[in-house]
């Protein structure tokens, strides 16, 4: 598997853009990406295979402590539950962009409000679309 090879061969990756790869990042690969303990920026824009399970994997991973920028645009299977599980684990987040995720509702805004109360110092940019 490509992701296993990438994580094993390049464990110090800081920036990873998997946007618009077909089919993109899936839940199992998200768990592998989470092993990148120095990851600062991750884009999974357009990944049609990632679900809430994948976001939960990232939020509970080693990388959750170092991810500063996360882009999850146009991920059709992401829901409010996934956003909330992701936010519970992220400690260093500065930029979060999740536009065009049709299953995300106003509940994610509430989760973001809670996150901002606890992490206001870090966050510099938020962008999302609520359906």
N, C-alpha and C. Protein backbone atom coordinates (compact mmCIF):
# COMPACT_ATOMS: atom_id res chain seq x y z
N UNK A 1 0.84 -1.18 0.00
CA UNK A 1 0.00 0.00 0.00
C UNK A 1 0.88 1.25 0.00
N UNK A 2 0.51 2.21 -0.79
CA UNK A 2 1.29 3.43 -0.99
C UNK A 2 1.42 4.22 0.31
N UNK A 3 0.32 4.37 1.04
CA UNK A 3 0.36 5.19 2.26
C UNK A 3 1.28 4.57 3.31
N UNK A 4 1.27 3.27 3.45
CA UNK A 4 2.15 2.59 4.39
C UNK A 4 3.61 2.85 4.02
N UNK A 5 3.92 2.75 2.73
CA UNK A 5 5.28 3.01 2.25
C UNK A 5 5.68 4.46 2.52
N UNK A 6 4.78 5.38 2.25
CA UNK A 6 5.06 6.80 2.48
C UNK A 6 5.35 7.07 3.95
N UNK A 7 4.51 6.57 4.83
CA UNK A 7 4.68 6.82 6.27
C UNK A 7 5.95 6.16 6.78
N UNK A 8 6.25 4.98 6.31
CA UNK A 8 7.45 4.26 6.76
C UNK A 8 8.72 4.91 6.22
N UNK A 9 8.69 5.29 4.95
CA UNK A 9 9.89 5.83 4.31
C UNK A 9 10.13 7.31 4.61
N UNK A 10 9.07 8.04 4.90
CA UNK A 10 9.19 9.50 5.11
C UNK A 10 8.47 9.91 6.39
N UNK A 11 8.92 9.43 7.54
CA UNK A 11 8.18 9.70 8.79
C UNK A 11 8.21 11.15 9.25
N UNK A 12 9.06 11.97 8.64
CA UNK A 12 9.19 13.36 9.07
C UNK A 12 8.44 14.34 8.17
N UNK A 13 7.55 13.82 7.34
CA UNK A 13 6.76 14.69 6.46
C UNK A 13 6.01 15.70 7.31
N UNK A 14 6.05 16.97 6.88
CA UNK A 14 5.34 18.03 7.59
C UNK A 14 4.14 18.54 6.81
N UNK A 15 4.18 18.45 5.49
CA UNK A 15 3.10 18.96 4.64
C UNK A 15 2.68 17.86 3.68
N UNK A 16 1.39 17.55 3.65
CA UNK A 16 0.90 16.47 2.80
C UNK A 16 -0.41 16.91 2.14
N UNK A 17 -0.38 16.99 0.83
CA UNK A 17 -1.56 17.39 0.06
C UNK A 17 -2.03 16.20 -0.77
N UNK A 18 -3.11 15.59 -0.32
CA UNK A 18 -3.72 14.47 -1.03
C UNK A 18 -4.99 14.90 -1.73
N UNK A 19 -5.14 16.21 -1.90
CA UNK A 19 -6.33 16.76 -2.52
C UNK A 19 -6.49 16.32 -3.96
N UNK A 20 -7.71 15.98 -4.29
CA UNK A 20 -8.12 15.60 -5.63
C UNK A 20 -7.45 14.34 -6.16
N UNK A 21 -6.85 13.54 -5.29
CA UNK A 21 -6.37 12.22 -5.70
C UNK A 21 -7.59 11.31 -5.79
N UNK A 22 -7.64 10.45 -6.73
CA UNK A 22 -8.79 9.55 -6.88
C UNK A 22 -8.45 8.18 -6.35
N UNK A 23 -9.24 7.60 -5.48
CA UNK A 23 -10.43 8.16 -4.87
C UNK A 23 -10.12 9.08 -3.70
N UNK A 24 -8.86 9.27 -3.43
CA UNK A 24 -8.49 10.13 -2.31
C UNK A 24 -8.26 9.31 -1.05
N UNK A 25 -8.09 10.01 0.02
CA UNK A 25 -7.83 9.39 1.31
C UNK A 25 -9.06 8.65 1.80
N UNK A 26 -8.88 7.41 2.22
CA UNK A 26 -9.99 6.68 2.84
C UNK A 26 -9.70 6.54 4.33
N UNK A 27 -10.61 5.92 5.05
CA UNK A 27 -10.50 5.84 6.51
C UNK A 27 -9.26 5.09 6.96
N UNK A 28 -8.93 4.02 6.27
CA UNK A 28 -7.76 3.23 6.65
C UNK A 28 -6.47 4.02 6.40
N UNK A 29 -6.42 4.73 5.28
CA UNK A 29 -5.24 5.55 4.99
C UNK A 29 -5.14 6.72 5.96
N UNK A 30 -6.27 7.23 6.43
CA UNK A 30 -6.26 8.32 7.41
C UNK A 30 -5.57 7.87 8.69
N UNK A 31 -5.79 6.63 9.07
CA UNK A 31 -5.12 6.10 10.26
C UNK A 31 -3.61 6.06 10.05
N UNK A 32 -3.16 5.71 8.85
CA UNK A 32 -1.72 5.69 8.55
C UNK A 32 -1.15 7.11 8.56
N UNK A 33 -1.86 8.05 7.96
CA UNK A 33 -1.41 9.45 7.95
C UNK A 33 -1.25 9.95 9.38
N UNK A 34 -2.11 9.50 10.27
CA UNK A 34 -2.05 9.90 11.67
C UNK A 34 -0.78 9.49 12.37
N UNK A 35 -0.03 8.57 11.78
CA UNK A 35 1.24 8.14 12.35
C UNK A 35 2.37 9.13 12.08
N UNK A 36 2.11 10.11 11.22
CA UNK A 36 3.13 11.12 10.91
C UNK A 36 3.17 12.14 12.05
N UNK A 37 4.03 11.91 13.00
CA UNK A 37 4.03 12.67 14.24
C UNK A 37 4.52 14.11 14.10
N UNK A 38 5.00 14.50 12.91
CA UNK A 38 5.43 15.87 12.68
C UNK A 38 4.57 16.59 11.65
N UNK A 39 3.48 15.97 11.27
CA UNK A 39 2.60 16.54 10.24
C UNK A 39 1.99 17.85 10.71
N UNK A 40 2.14 18.90 9.91
CA UNK A 40 1.60 20.21 10.24
C UNK A 40 0.44 20.61 9.35
N UNK A 41 0.45 20.15 8.10
CA UNK A 41 -0.58 20.55 7.15
C UNK A 41 -1.05 19.34 6.36
N UNK A 42 -2.37 19.17 6.30
CA UNK A 42 -2.97 18.04 5.58
C UNK A 42 -4.15 18.54 4.77
N UNK A 43 -4.16 18.19 3.49
CA UNK A 43 -5.30 18.48 2.64
C UNK A 43 -5.83 17.17 2.08
N UNK A 44 -7.12 16.94 2.29
CA UNK A 44 -7.80 15.78 1.71
C UNK A 44 -8.95 16.26 0.83
N UNK A 45 -8.83 17.47 0.32
CA UNK A 45 -9.87 18.08 -0.51
C UNK A 45 -10.28 17.15 -1.64
N UNK A 46 -11.58 16.95 -1.75
CA UNK A 46 -12.11 16.12 -2.82
C UNK A 46 -12.04 14.63 -2.59
N UNK A 47 -11.61 14.22 -1.41
CA UNK A 47 -11.54 12.78 -1.12
C UNK A 47 -12.95 12.24 -0.93
N UNK A 48 -13.37 11.41 -1.84
CA UNK A 48 -14.74 10.89 -1.79
C UNK A 48 -14.86 9.67 -0.88
N UNK A 49 -13.73 9.11 -0.45
CA UNK A 49 -13.77 7.89 0.34
C UNK A 49 -13.65 8.11 1.85
N UNK A 50 -13.24 9.28 2.28
CA UNK A 50 -13.07 9.50 3.73
C UNK A 50 -14.44 9.76 4.38
N UNK A 51 -14.61 9.18 5.56
CA UNK A 51 -15.85 9.34 6.32
C UNK A 51 -15.52 9.86 7.71
N UNK A 52 -16.52 9.87 8.56
CA UNK A 52 -16.32 10.29 9.95
C UNK A 52 -15.29 9.41 10.65
N UNK A 53 -15.23 8.15 10.29
CA UNK A 53 -14.25 7.24 10.89
C UNK A 53 -12.83 7.73 10.61
N UNK A 54 -12.58 8.16 9.39
CA UNK A 54 -11.26 8.68 9.02
C UNK A 54 -10.92 9.94 9.80
N UNK A 55 -11.90 10.84 9.96
CA UNK A 55 -11.65 12.05 10.75
C UNK A 55 -11.38 11.70 12.21
N UNK A 56 -12.11 10.72 12.72
CA UNK A 56 -11.88 10.27 14.09
C UNK A 56 -10.47 9.69 14.22
N UNK A 57 -10.04 8.92 13.22
CA UNK A 57 -8.69 8.37 13.23
C UNK A 57 -7.64 9.47 13.30
N UNK A 58 -7.84 10.53 12.53
CA UNK A 58 -6.89 11.64 12.54
C UNK A 58 -6.93 12.36 13.89
N UNK A 59 -8.13 12.60 14.41
CA UNK A 59 -8.27 13.29 15.68
C UNK A 59 -7.69 12.53 16.86
N UNK A 60 -7.60 11.22 16.76
CA UNK A 60 -7.07 10.39 17.85
C UNK A 60 -5.63 9.95 17.60
N UNK A 61 -4.98 10.52 16.61
CA UNK A 61 -3.66 10.05 16.20
C UNK A 61 -2.53 10.88 16.80
N UNK A 62 -1.31 10.42 16.54
CA UNK A 62 -0.11 11.18 16.94
C UNK A 62 -0.10 12.54 16.26
N UNK A 63 -0.52 12.59 15.02
CA UNK A 63 -0.49 13.83 14.24
C UNK A 63 -1.44 14.88 14.79
N UNK A 64 -2.43 14.49 15.57
CA UNK A 64 -3.40 15.45 16.11
C UNK A 64 -2.73 16.53 16.95
N UNK A 65 -1.60 16.22 17.53
CA UNK A 65 -0.90 17.19 18.37
C UNK A 65 -0.12 18.22 17.55
N UNK A 66 0.13 17.93 16.26
CA UNK A 66 0.98 18.80 15.46
C UNK A 66 0.28 19.44 14.26
N UNK A 67 -0.89 18.94 13.88
CA UNK A 67 -1.58 19.48 12.70
C UNK A 67 -2.02 20.91 12.98
N UNK A 68 -1.53 21.83 12.15
CA UNK A 68 -1.90 23.23 12.26
C UNK A 68 -2.91 23.64 11.18
N UNK A 69 -2.86 22.96 10.05
CA UNK A 69 -3.73 23.31 8.92
C UNK A 69 -4.39 22.05 8.38
N UNK A 70 -5.71 22.11 8.23
CA UNK A 70 -6.46 20.96 7.72
C UNK A 70 -7.51 21.45 6.73
N UNK A 71 -7.48 20.86 5.55
CA UNK A 71 -8.43 21.19 4.50
C UNK A 71 -9.20 19.93 4.13
N UNK A 72 -10.50 19.96 4.35
CA UNK A 72 -11.35 18.81 4.03
C UNK A 72 -12.52 19.24 3.14
N UNK A 73 -12.23 20.04 2.14
CA UNK A 73 -13.25 20.52 1.21
C UNK A 73 -13.80 19.40 0.34
N UNK A 74 -15.07 19.51 0.01
CA UNK A 74 -15.72 18.62 -0.95
C UNK A 74 -15.61 17.15 -0.59
N UNK A 75 -15.68 16.86 0.69
CA UNK A 75 -15.70 15.47 1.15
C UNK A 75 -17.15 15.11 1.46
N UNK A 76 -17.77 14.37 0.57
CA UNK A 76 -19.22 14.16 0.61
C UNK A 76 -19.72 13.29 1.75
N UNK A 77 -18.84 12.49 2.35
CA UNK A 77 -19.29 11.57 3.40
C UNK A 77 -19.03 12.07 4.82
N UNK A 78 -18.47 13.27 4.95
CA UNK A 78 -18.19 13.85 6.26
C UNK A 78 -19.49 14.43 6.84
N UNK A 79 -19.71 14.17 8.14
CA UNK A 79 -20.89 14.71 8.82
C UNK A 79 -20.45 15.50 10.05
N UNK A 80 -21.43 16.05 10.74
CA UNK A 80 -21.15 16.80 11.97
C UNK A 80 -20.42 15.95 13.00
N UNK A 81 -20.79 14.69 13.08
CA UNK A 81 -20.16 13.79 14.06
C UNK A 81 -18.65 13.68 13.78
N UNK A 82 -18.28 13.57 12.52
CA UNK A 82 -16.87 13.48 12.17
C UNK A 82 -16.11 14.75 12.52
N UNK A 83 -16.72 15.90 12.25
CA UNK A 83 -16.09 17.18 12.58
C UNK A 83 -15.87 17.27 14.09
N UNK A 84 -16.88 16.89 14.85
CA UNK A 84 -16.76 16.96 16.31
C UNK A 84 -15.69 16.01 16.84
N UNK A 85 -15.63 14.78 16.31
CA UNK A 85 -14.61 13.82 16.76
C UNK A 85 -13.21 14.32 16.39
N UNK A 86 -13.08 14.93 15.22
CA UNK A 86 -11.80 15.47 14.79
C UNK A 86 -11.34 16.58 15.73
N UNK A 87 -12.25 17.52 16.00
CA UNK A 87 -11.89 18.67 16.84
C UNK A 87 -11.52 18.27 18.26
N UNK A 88 -12.08 17.19 18.77
CA UNK A 88 -11.77 16.75 20.13
C UNK A 88 -10.29 16.43 20.30
N UNK A 89 -9.62 16.01 19.22
CA UNK A 89 -8.24 15.61 19.35
C UNK A 89 -7.21 16.64 18.91
N UNK A 90 -7.62 17.61 18.09
CA UNK A 90 -6.65 18.57 17.56
C UNK A 90 -6.24 19.59 18.62
N UNK A 91 -4.95 19.75 18.78
CA UNK A 91 -4.43 20.64 19.82
C UNK A 91 -3.79 21.90 19.26
N UNK A 92 -3.23 21.84 18.05
CA UNK A 92 -2.44 22.95 17.52
C UNK A 92 -3.10 23.63 16.33
N UNK A 93 -4.34 23.31 16.05
CA UNK A 93 -5.01 23.78 14.84
C UNK A 93 -5.03 25.31 14.72
N UNK A 94 -4.61 25.81 13.57
CA UNK A 94 -4.65 27.24 13.27
C UNK A 94 -5.59 27.53 12.11
N UNK A 95 -5.66 26.62 11.15
CA UNK A 95 -6.47 26.82 9.95
C UNK A 95 -7.31 25.57 9.70
N UNK A 96 -8.62 25.75 9.59
CA UNK A 96 -9.53 24.65 9.27
C UNK A 96 -10.48 25.13 8.17
N UNK A 97 -10.49 24.39 7.08
CA UNK A 97 -11.36 24.73 5.96
C UNK A 97 -12.13 23.47 5.56
N UNK A 98 -13.45 23.55 5.65
CA UNK A 98 -14.28 22.44 5.18
C UNK A 98 -15.52 22.98 4.48
N UNK A 99 -15.32 23.37 3.24
CA UNK A 99 -16.40 23.85 2.39
C UNK A 99 -16.88 22.72 1.48
N UNK A 100 -18.14 22.77 1.13
CA UNK A 100 -18.66 21.82 0.16
C UNK A 100 -18.82 20.40 0.68
N UNK A 101 -19.03 20.24 1.97
CA UNK A 101 -19.31 18.93 2.56
C UNK A 101 -20.82 18.90 2.84
N UNK A 102 -21.61 18.31 1.96
CA UNK A 102 -23.07 18.47 2.01
C UNK A 102 -23.76 17.87 3.23
N UNK A 103 -23.09 16.99 3.98
CA UNK A 103 -23.72 16.39 5.16
C UNK A 103 -23.39 17.15 6.44
N UNK A 104 -22.66 18.25 6.32
CA UNK A 104 -22.31 19.07 7.48
C UNK A 104 -23.41 20.12 7.68
N UNK A 105 -23.89 20.23 8.91
CA UNK A 105 -24.97 21.17 9.23
C UNK A 105 -24.50 22.18 10.27
N UNK A 106 -25.43 22.90 10.82
CA UNK A 106 -25.15 23.91 11.83
C UNK A 106 -24.55 23.31 13.10
N UNK A 107 -24.74 22.01 13.31
CA UNK A 107 -24.15 21.36 14.49
C UNK A 107 -22.63 21.48 14.50
N UNK A 108 -22.02 21.50 13.31
CA UNK A 108 -20.57 21.67 13.24
C UNK A 108 -20.16 23.06 13.69
N UNK A 109 -20.98 24.05 13.42
CA UNK A 109 -20.69 25.40 13.89
C UNK A 109 -20.67 25.44 15.41
N UNK A 110 -21.58 24.70 16.03
CA UNK A 110 -21.61 24.64 17.49
C UNK A 110 -20.36 23.95 18.03
N UNK A 111 -19.93 22.89 17.36
CA UNK A 111 -18.69 22.21 17.76
C UNK A 111 -17.50 23.15 17.61
N UNK A 112 -17.50 23.94 16.54
CA UNK A 112 -16.43 24.92 16.35
C UNK A 112 -16.44 25.99 17.44
N UNK A 113 -17.64 26.42 17.84
CA UNK A 113 -17.75 27.39 18.94
C UNK A 113 -17.10 26.84 20.20
N UNK A 114 -17.39 25.58 20.51
CA UNK A 114 -16.79 24.96 21.71
C UNK A 114 -15.27 24.88 21.57
N UNK A 115 -14.82 24.50 20.38
CA UNK A 115 -13.38 24.39 20.14
C UNK A 115 -12.70 25.75 20.31
N UNK A 116 -13.32 26.79 19.77
CA UNK A 116 -12.74 28.13 19.84
C UNK A 116 -12.65 28.64 21.27
N UNK A 117 -13.62 28.29 22.10
CA UNK A 117 -13.56 28.71 23.50
C UNK A 117 -12.33 28.15 24.19
N UNK A 118 -11.93 26.95 23.80
CA UNK A 118 -10.79 26.30 24.43
C UNK A 118 -9.46 26.61 23.74
N UNK A 119 -9.49 26.92 22.44
CA UNK A 119 -8.26 27.06 21.67
C UNK A 119 -8.15 28.39 20.93
N UNK A 120 -8.83 29.39 21.39
CA UNK A 120 -8.88 30.67 20.67
C UNK A 120 -7.50 31.22 20.32
N UNK A 121 -6.52 31.00 21.14
CA UNK A 121 -5.19 31.55 20.92
C UNK A 121 -4.60 31.05 19.61
N UNK A 122 -4.84 29.79 19.28
CA UNK A 122 -4.22 29.18 18.11
C UNK A 122 -4.90 29.52 16.80
N UNK A 123 -6.22 29.53 16.75
CA UNK A 123 -6.97 29.56 15.50
C UNK A 123 -6.85 30.91 14.82
N UNK A 124 -6.45 30.87 13.53
CA UNK A 124 -6.30 32.07 12.73
C UNK A 124 -7.32 32.14 11.60
N UNK A 125 -7.74 30.98 11.07
CA UNK A 125 -8.66 30.99 9.93
C UNK A 125 -9.60 29.80 9.99
N UNK A 126 -10.89 30.10 9.86
CA UNK A 126 -11.92 29.07 9.75
C UNK A 126 -12.78 29.40 8.54
N UNK A 127 -13.10 28.39 7.77
CA UNK A 127 -13.98 28.58 6.62
C UNK A 127 -14.79 27.30 6.45
N UNK A 128 -16.11 27.45 6.40
CA UNK A 128 -16.94 26.27 6.22
C UNK A 128 -18.25 26.67 5.55
N UNK A 129 -18.92 25.66 5.02
CA UNK A 129 -20.23 25.83 4.43
C UNK A 129 -21.18 24.93 5.18
N UNK A 130 -22.31 25.48 5.59
CA UNK A 130 -23.34 24.70 6.28
C UNK A 130 -24.49 24.50 5.32
N UNK A 131 -24.98 23.27 5.24
CA UNK A 131 -26.11 22.97 4.35
C UNK A 131 -27.37 22.81 5.14
